Amino acid sequence: MPSPVSAPTILIVDDTEVNVVLLQSVLDAQGFRTLTASDGATARQLSRSQAPDLILLDVVMPGESGFETCAKLKSDPKTADIPIIFLSAQNDVKSKVKGLKIGGVDYVAKPVHGEEVLARVRVHLRIGANNRAITRQHQARLEELRDAQQAILVRPESCPEACFAVYYEPLEGAGGDFYDVVAVDSDVFGYFVADVSGHGASAAFLTSAIKALLRQYTGPLFSAEDTMRGIDTVMRQMLGEEQYLTACYANLNRRTGRLAVVSAGHPPVVLVEPSGKARTVELDSDPLGIFSSLVIQRKEVQVAPGDRFYLYTDGLIESSPGGGRGKGLERLVAACVLHQADLLPDAVAGICADLQFGAASDDLLLLAVEVPQ
């Protein structure tokens, strides 16, 4: 025997018992499961505990009105997505518009007719089911993209000789921030961080292309500037209108103790010595993917064993509360100094915890490197 179809649950909210009985009889006869409430507070409590599929809500009730109840339901993340159909004797255009603006999906005039209510309930349940199916499909695609993106990111444990640790938290399932670590030879490593404008799927799709280009333009034949220009040439053909890419490429030569930094419109690199002395490497340059004549800068600094340098994306300093980007950079430098004595993975975790992102509005990425002995 096939399993029965799960019956949708309808919450009926009305302070007039005869209306409740009428609606219950119509809906119960068609196999729906019904719940009832005679006031807004009870309706909100039931909505949170029972998660009905749809609410039939009277407008004029003692205590809070149906409009007030609707507003409170829509402000609660747990009940915000439940469709609400208003039922009211207030049949003027102003009331209807108010009900729809405040979050209702429909507005039925009293006295109600059972067949009309039934038809509207079915329509909005189907719309809700379709919307949930689309959301599930979108989420599944984002998860696939996230998994694909995570698969191309180098993990510290897979390349321990590169002496790095990383924190990466995309705003959505997949993000437009990207990092990579490249072994140029046994004593030279390249550390790359990039940020595609925007976030989510549209930006994340580009990260695999960036990785391929980075590998193509990295090696003994290419300077750090050559790497950036090679990526820029191709990305100008790939990026959409008003899209761009900021990036920072730090090339560490352990033989010479020289760190070459090339930036393309990216936030400054933070350098911290074992003593706790900190400085930033700032460069004035153009983002990638915009200008046919790219202006980039290169700086070289001497580093020693135990020194650490930090590459990151702007979400890390712009998400820091209070003071904007400049204050965020100050907080980041202070956190890097505070955790200088920690093991590198612990330092990264501690720095990100200290910055207290709260409700982040962008992808977050911090790549930390320690110059080995």
Protein backbone atom coordinates (compact mmCIF):
# COMPACT_ATOMS: atom_id res chain seq x y z
CA MET A 1 0.00 0.00 0.00
CA PRO A 2 1.49 3.40 -0.97
CA SER A 3 2.33 5.84 1.83
CA PRO A 4 -0.23 8.64 2.30
CA VAL A 5 0.71 12.12 1.15
CA SER A 6 1.65 14.40 4.03
CA ALA A 7 -1.22 16.84 4.65
CA PRO A 8 -0.35 20.56 4.74
CA THR A 9 -1.14 22.35 7.99
CA ILE A 10 -3.29 25.50 7.91
CA LEU A 11 -3.48 27.83 10.91
CA ILE A 12 -6.84 29.64 11.17
CA VAL A 13 -6.73 32.84 13.23
CA ASP A 14 -10.09 34.47 13.96
CA ASP A 15 -11.84 35.62 17.13
CA THR A 16 -15.30 34.71 15.75
CA GLU A 17 -16.01 31.02 16.40
CA VAL A 18 -18.51 30.59 13.54
CA ASN A 19 -15.86 31.69 11.04
CA VAL A 20 -13.36 29.23 12.46
CA VAL A 21 -15.86 26.35 12.30
CA LEU A 22 -16.74 27.16 8.67
CA LEU A 23 -13.12 27.26 7.55
CA GLN A 24 -12.23 24.13 9.50
CA SER A 25 -15.07 22.15 7.95
CA VAL A 26 -14.06 23.17 4.41
CA LEU A 27 -10.38 22.43 4.89
CA ASP A 28 -10.80 19.25 6.96
CA ALA A 29 -13.08 17.82 4.30
CA GLN A 30 -10.27 18.17 1.75
CA GLY A 31 -7.69 16.44 3.93
CA PHE A 32 -5.88 19.46 5.33
CA ARG A 33 -4.66 19.52 8.93
CA THR A 34 -5.94 22.60 10.78
CA LEU A 35 -4.87 24.56 13.84
CA THR A 36 -6.84 27.43 15.36
CA ALA A 37 -6.15 30.57 17.37
CA SER A 38 -8.42 33.39 18.49
CA ASP A 39 -5.78 36.10 18.91
CA GLY A 40 -2.46 37.21 17.46
CA ALA A 41 -0.25 36.22 20.39
CA THR A 42 -1.53 32.62 20.33
CA ALA A 43 -1.17 32.55 16.56
CA ARG A 44 2.47 33.59 16.79
CA GLN A 45 3.19 31.00 19.46
CA LEU A 46 1.61 28.23 17.36
CA SER A 47 3.45 29.42 14.27
CA ARG A 48 6.79 29.05 16.03
CA SER A 49 6.03 25.67 17.59
CA GLN A 50 3.99 24.00 14.81
CA ALA A 51 5.39 25.68 11.64
CA PRO A 52 2.11 25.69 9.64
CA ASP A 53 2.35 25.72 5.86
CA LEU A 54 -0.08 28.65 5.57
CA ILE A 55 -1.98 31.06 7.84
CA LEU A 56 -5.52 32.38 7.36
CA LEU A 57 -5.49 35.59 9.39
CA ASP A 58 -8.38 37.81 10.44
CA VAL A 59 -7.61 41.54 10.48
CA VAL A 60 -9.89 42.90 13.21
CA MET A 61 -9.24 41.08 16.48
CA PRO A 62 -9.04 42.04 20.16
CA GLY A 63 -5.56 43.02 21.30
CA GLU A 64 -3.22 43.20 18.34
CA SER A 65 -4.71 43.44 14.86
CA GLY A 66 -4.04 40.97 12.08
CA PHE A 67 -1.74 43.54 10.46
CA GLU A 68 0.30 43.76 13.66
CA THR A 69 0.41 39.98 13.95
CA CYS A 70 1.60 39.69 10.36
CA ALA A 71 4.36 42.26 10.89
CA LYS A 72 5.62 40.38 13.94
CA LEU A 73 5.55 37.05 12.11
CA LYS A 74 7.51 38.50 9.20
CA SER A 75 10.14 39.98 11.54
CA ASP A 76 10.78 36.58 13.12
CA PRO A 77 13.20 34.45 11.03
CA LYS A 78 11.48 31.29 12.22
CA THR A 79 8.07 32.34 10.83
CA ALA A 80 8.96 34.90 8.16
CA ASP A 81 8.46 32.52 5.22
CA ILE A 82 4.98 31.26 6.16
CA PRO A 83 2.48 32.61 3.58
CA ILE A 84 -0.39 34.63 5.10
CA ILE A 85 -3.83 35.16 3.56
CA PHE A 86 -5.83 37.95 5.19
CA LEU A 87 -9.57 37.47 5.81
CA SER A 88 -11.44 40.69 6.59
CA ALA A 89 -14.70 42.59 6.30
CA GLN A 90 -12.53 45.65 5.64
CA ASN A 91 -12.80 45.43 1.88
CA ASP A 92 -11.51 48.87 0.88
CA VAL A 93 -8.50 49.27 -1.38
CA LYS A 94 -6.41 50.95 1.34
CA SER A 95 -6.80 47.96 3.67
CA LYS A 96 -5.99 45.49 0.91
CA VAL A 97 -2.86 47.37 -0.11
CA LYS A 98 -1.73 47.64 3.52
CA GLY A 99 -2.18 43.91 4.02
CA LEU A 100 -0.17 43.03 0.90
CA LYS A 101 2.58 45.56 1.68
CA ILE A 102 3.01 44.28 5.20
CA GLY A 103 3.67 40.75 3.94
CA GLY A 104 0.38 39.04 3.09
CA VAL A 105 0.23 36.99 -0.12
CA ASP A 106 -3.54 37.46 -0.60
CA TYR A 107 -6.58 39.27 0.80
CA VAL A 108 -10.07 37.70 0.90
CA ALA A 109 -13.15 39.75 1.73
CA LYS A 110 -15.67 38.58 4.34
CA PRO A 111 -18.14 36.99 4.39
CA VAL A 112 -15.88 34.26 3.03
CA HIS A 113 -16.99 31.56 0.62
CA GLY A 114 -15.54 28.16 1.35
CA GLU A 115 -14.73 27.29 -2.27
CA GLU A 116 -12.95 30.60 -2.84
CA VAL A 117 -10.83 30.20 0.28
CA LEU A 118 -10.02 26.61 -0.68
CA ALA A 119 -8.95 27.65 -4.17
CA ARG A 120 -6.68 30.43 -2.87
CA VAL A 121 -5.19 28.16 -0.22
CA ARG A 122 -4.28 25.60 -2.87
CA VAL A 123 -2.77 28.21 -5.18
CA HIS A 124 -0.53 29.67 -2.51
CA LEU A 125 0.50 26.26 -1.17
CA ARG A 126 1.58 25.29 -4.70
CA ILE A 127 3.47 28.57 -5.10
CA GLY A 128 5.17 27.98 -1.75
CA ALA A 129 6.09 24.41 -2.69
CA ASN A 130 7.55 25.60 -6.00
CA ASN A 131 9.54 28.33 -4.28
CA ARG A 132 10.95 25.84 -1.77
CA ALA A 133 11.89 23.47 -4.58
CA ILE A 134 13.69 26.28 -6.41
CA THR A 135 15.47 27.26 -3.18
CA ARG A 136 16.57 23.64 -2.62
CA GLN A 137 17.88 23.43 -6.19
CA HIS A 138 19.73 26.71 -5.79
CA GLN A 139 21.20 25.57 -2.48
CA ALA A 140 22.26 22.24 -4.01
CA ARG A 141 24.04 24.05 -6.84
CA LEU A 142 25.75 26.36 -4.34
CA GLU A 143 26.86 23.35 -2.30
CA GLU A 144 28.26 21.68 -5.42
CA LEU A 145 30.07 24.89 -6.31
CA ARG A 146 31.32 25.25 -2.74
CA ASP A 147 32.66 21.68 -2.78
CA ALA A 148 34.35 22.28 -6.14
CA GLN A 149 35.85 25.53 -4.87
CA GLN A 150 37.08 23.93 -1.65
CA ALA A 151 38.67 21.13 -3.69
CA ILE A 152 40.97 23.54 -5.53
CA LEU A 153 42.12 25.38 -2.40
CA VAL A 154 45.51 24.23 -1.07
CA ARG A 155 45.31 23.10 2.54
CA PRO A 156 48.21 23.64 4.97
CA GLU A 157 48.44 19.94 5.75
CA SER A 158 48.88 19.09 2.06
CA CYS A 159 51.83 21.52 1.71
CA PRO A 160 53.55 21.73 5.13
CA GLU A 161 56.81 22.99 3.59
CA ALA A 162 55.01 26.24 2.66
CA CYS A 163 54.57 27.07 6.39
CA PHE A 164 51.15 28.72 6.13
CA ALA A 165 47.78 28.73 7.85
CA VAL A 166 44.49 30.06 6.54
CA TYR A 167 41.02 31.18 7.59
CA TYR A 168 38.39 31.32 4.85
CA GLU A 169 34.69 31.98 5.42
CA PRO A 170 32.59 32.79 2.32
CA LEU A 171 29.51 34.94 2.91
CA GLU A 172 27.40 32.46 0.95
CA GLY A 173 27.96 28.78 0.16
CA ALA A 174 30.72 29.75 -2.25
CA GLY A 175 32.66 32.98 -2.43
CA GLY A 176 34.66 35.27 -4.65
CA ASP A 177 37.69 35.36 -2.36
CA PHE A 178 40.49 33.04 -3.40
CA TYR A 179 43.97 32.03 -2.27
CA ASP A 180 46.68 29.75 -3.57
CA VAL A 181 50.17 28.65 -2.61
CA VAL A 182 52.65 27.75 -5.32
CA ALA A 183 56.05 26.06 -4.96
CA VAL A 184 58.18 27.91 -7.54
CA ASP A 185 61.17 25.75 -6.55
CA SER A 186 62.45 24.12 -3.36
CA ASP A 187 63.30 27.46 -1.72
CA VAL A 188 60.86 29.83 -3.39
CA PHE A 189 57.13 29.92 -2.65
CA GLY A 190 54.43 32.17 -4.03
CA TYR A 191 51.43 33.19 -1.90
CA PHE A 192 48.46 34.62 -3.74
CA VAL A 193 45.23 36.17 -2.45
CA ALA A 194 42.48 37.62 -4.66
CA ASP A 195 39.03 39.11 -4.31
CA VAL A 196 36.55 39.15 -7.19
CA SER A 197 34.06 42.02 -6.88
CA GLY A 198 30.76 40.75 -5.54
CA HIS A 199 30.29 37.38 -3.86
CA GLY A 200 28.31 34.18 -4.24
CA ALA A 201 28.05 31.96 -7.29
CA SER A 202 28.82 34.54 -9.98
CA ALA A 203 32.15 35.43 -8.33
CA ALA A 204 32.97 31.89 -7.26
CA PHE A 205 32.78 30.57 -10.82
CA LEU A 206 35.86 32.64 -11.65
CA THR A 207 38.13 31.25 -8.95
CA SER A 208 39.02 28.06 -10.83
CA ALA A 209 40.05 30.19 -13.82
CA ILE A 210 42.21 32.37 -11.56
CA LYS A 211 43.95 29.29 -10.15
CA ALA A 212 44.67 27.97 -13.65
CA LEU A 213 46.08 31.33 -14.75
CA LEU A 214 48.21 31.63 -11.63
CA ARG A 215 49.79 28.25 -12.29
CA GLN A 216 50.29 29.11 -15.94
CA TYR A 217 52.09 32.38 -15.22
CA THR A 218 54.16 31.23 -12.22
CA GLY A 219 57.67 29.81 -12.48
CA PRO A 220 61.28 30.71 -13.29
CA LEU A 221 60.21 32.29 -16.60
CA PHE A 222 57.91 34.83 -14.92
CA SER A 223 58.49 37.65 -12.48
CA ALA A 224 55.78 38.49 -9.95
CA GLU A 225 54.75 41.39 -12.19
CA ASP A 226 54.53 39.02 -15.16
CA THR A 227 52.20 36.81 -13.14
CA MET A 228 49.84 39.71 -12.42
CA ARG A 229 49.89 40.98 -16.00
CA GLY A 230 49.19 37.52 -17.38
CA ILE A 231 46.17 37.11 -15.11
CA ASP A 232 44.98 40.62 -15.97
CA THR A 233 45.14 40.02 -19.74
CA VAL A 234 42.85 37.01 -19.58
CA MET A 235 40.53 38.31 -16.86
CA ARG A 236 39.73 41.42 -18.90
CA GLN A 237 38.13 39.08 -21.42
CA MET A 238 36.27 37.04 -18.81
CA LEU A 239 34.94 39.52 -16.26
CA GLY A 240 31.48 40.99 -16.74
CA GLU A 241 30.70 44.66 -16.95
CA GLU A 242 31.67 46.53 -13.76
CA GLN A 243 33.46 43.44 -12.41
CA TYR A 244 37.08 43.58 -11.35
CA LEU A 245 39.62 41.67 -9.34
CA THR A 246 41.99 42.86 -6.61
CA ALA A 247 44.98 40.65 -5.84
CA CYS A 248 48.22 40.42 -3.91
CA TYR A 249 51.10 38.10 -4.82
CA ALA A 250 53.92 37.64 -2.29
CA ASN A 251 56.96 35.73 -3.51
CA LEU A 252 59.22 34.47 -0.71
CA ASN A 253 62.80 33.50 -1.60
CA ARG A 254 64.19 31.64 1.38
CA ARG A 255 67.70 31.52 -0.05
CA THR A 256 68.01 35.31 -0.14
CA GLY A 257 65.53 36.18 2.61
CA ARG A 258 63.71 38.52 0.24
CA LEU A 259 59.95 38.91 0.08
CA ALA A 260 58.73 40.45 -3.16
CA VAL A 261 55.19 41.85 -2.95
CA VAL A 262 53.14 42.81 -6.00
CA SER A 263 49.68 44.28 -5.46
CA ALA A 264 46.78 45.05 -7.77
CA GLY A 265 44.45 47.36 -5.86
CA HIS A 266 44.66 45.13 -2.78
CA PRO A 267 44.94 45.98 0.96
CA PRO A 268 48.50 46.15 2.37
CA VAL A 269 50.47 43.14 3.56
CA VAL A 270 51.06 43.02 7.32
CA LEU A 271 54.57 42.03 8.50
CA VAL A 272 55.31 41.12 12.14
CA GLU A 273 58.72 40.26 13.58
CA PRO A 274 59.18 37.81 16.51
CA SER A 275 59.77 40.81 18.76
CA GLY A 276 56.29 42.09 17.94
CA LYS A 277 57.44 44.96 15.74
CA ALA A 278 54.90 45.39 12.95
CA ARG A 279 54.77 47.22 9.65
CA THR A 280 52.66 47.20 6.51
CA VAL A 281 53.69 46.94 2.87
CA GLU A 282 51.44 49.33 0.98
CA LEU A 283 51.38 49.72 -2.79
CA ASP A 284 49.37 52.04 -5.02
CA SER A 285 48.18 50.07 -8.03
CA ASP A 286 45.24 49.24 -10.28
CA PRO A 287 42.80 46.34 -9.87
CA LEU A 288 42.91 43.61 -12.49
CA GLY A 289 40.43 43.24 -15.34
CA ILE A 290 39.64 46.94 -15.91
CA PHE A 291 42.39 48.91 -17.63
CA SER A 292 44.13 48.05 -20.89
CA SER A 293 47.28 49.66 -19.50
CA LEU A 294 47.75 48.16 -16.05
CA VAL A 295 49.65 50.03 -13.34
CA ILE A 296 51.06 47.70 -10.69
CA GLN A 297 53.80 48.17 -8.11
CA ARG A 298 56.40 45.89 -6.56
CA LYS A 299 58.21 46.21 -3.25
CA GLU A 300 60.90 43.97 -1.82
CA VAL A 301 61.58 43.66 1.89
CA GLN A 302 64.16 41.68 3.83
CA VAL A 303 62.71 39.04 6.13
CA ALA A 304 64.25 36.69 8.67
CA PRO A 305 63.33 33.31 10.18
CA GLY A 306 60.39 33.69 12.56
CA ASP A 307 58.95 36.70 10.76
CA ARG A 308 55.32 36.38 9.77
CA PHE A 309 53.39 38.08 7.01
CA TYR A 310 49.65 38.22 6.48
CA LEU A 311 47.65 38.49 3.25
CA TYR A 312 43.90 38.99 3.45
CA THR A 313 40.87 40.37 1.64
CA ASP A 314 39.09 43.61 2.49
CA GLY A 315 36.13 41.89 4.13
CA LEU A 316 38.45 41.16 7.05
CA ILE A 317 39.06 44.84 7.82
CA GLU A 318 35.77 46.29 6.58
CA SER A 319 33.73 43.88 8.73
CA SER A 320 35.54 45.07 11.84
CA PRO A 321 33.02 47.17 13.82
CA GLY A 322 33.58 50.93 14.05
CA GLY A 323 35.97 53.24 12.29
CA GLY A 324 35.79 51.88 8.76
CA ARG A 325 38.63 50.37 6.73
CA GLY A 326 41.46 52.33 8.38
CA LYS A 327 40.38 51.37 11.87
CA GLY A 328 39.89 47.79 10.71
CA LEU A 329 43.50 47.63 9.50
CA GLU A 330 44.72 48.98 12.84
CA ARG A 331 42.75 46.28 14.65
CA LEU A 332 44.13 43.60 12.35
CA VAL A 333 47.75 44.70 12.93
CA ALA A 334 47.17 44.79 16.69
CA ALA A 335 45.68 41.28 16.63
CA CYS A 336 48.61 39.96 14.57
CA VAL A 337 51.07 41.39 17.12
CA LEU A 338 49.06 40.02 20.05
CA HIS A 339 49.17 36.47 18.65
CA GLN A 340 52.75 36.56 17.34
CA ALA A 341 53.95 33.97 19.90
CA ASP A 342 51.13 31.51 19.15
CA LEU A 343 51.54 28.57 16.82
CA LEU A 344 50.58 29.74 13.35
CA PRO A 345 47.19 27.94 13.13
CA ASP A 346 46.31 29.16 16.62
CA ALA A 347 47.38 32.69 15.71
CA VAL A 348 45.06 32.74 12.70
CA ALA A 349 42.14 31.47 14.78
CA GLY A 350 42.89 33.98 17.55
CA ILE A 351 43.21 36.93 15.17
CA CYS A 352 39.88 36.18 13.52
CA ALA A 353 38.20 35.70 16.90
CA ASP A 354 39.60 39.03 18.14
CA LEU A 355 38.25 40.93 15.13
CA GLN A 356 34.68 39.92 16.14
CA PHE A 357 33.09 40.07 12.72
CA GLY A 358 29.48 39.93 13.89
CA ALA A 359 27.15 40.04 10.89
CA ALA A 360 29.75 39.92 8.09
CA SER A 361 28.75 41.50 4.78
CA ASP A 362 31.56 40.05 2.67
CA ASP A 363 33.73 36.96 2.27
CA LEU A 364 36.48 36.69 4.90
CA LEU A 365 39.99 35.45 4.14
CA LEU A 366 43.25 35.56 6.11
CA LEU A 367 46.42 33.80 4.90
CA ALA A 368 49.34 33.74 7.36
CA VAL A 369 52.89 32.67 6.50
CA GLU A 370 55.89 32.14 8.78
CA VAL A 371 59.43 32.38 7.42
CA PRO A 372 61.01 29.05 8.40
CA GLN A 373 64.33 28.55 10.16
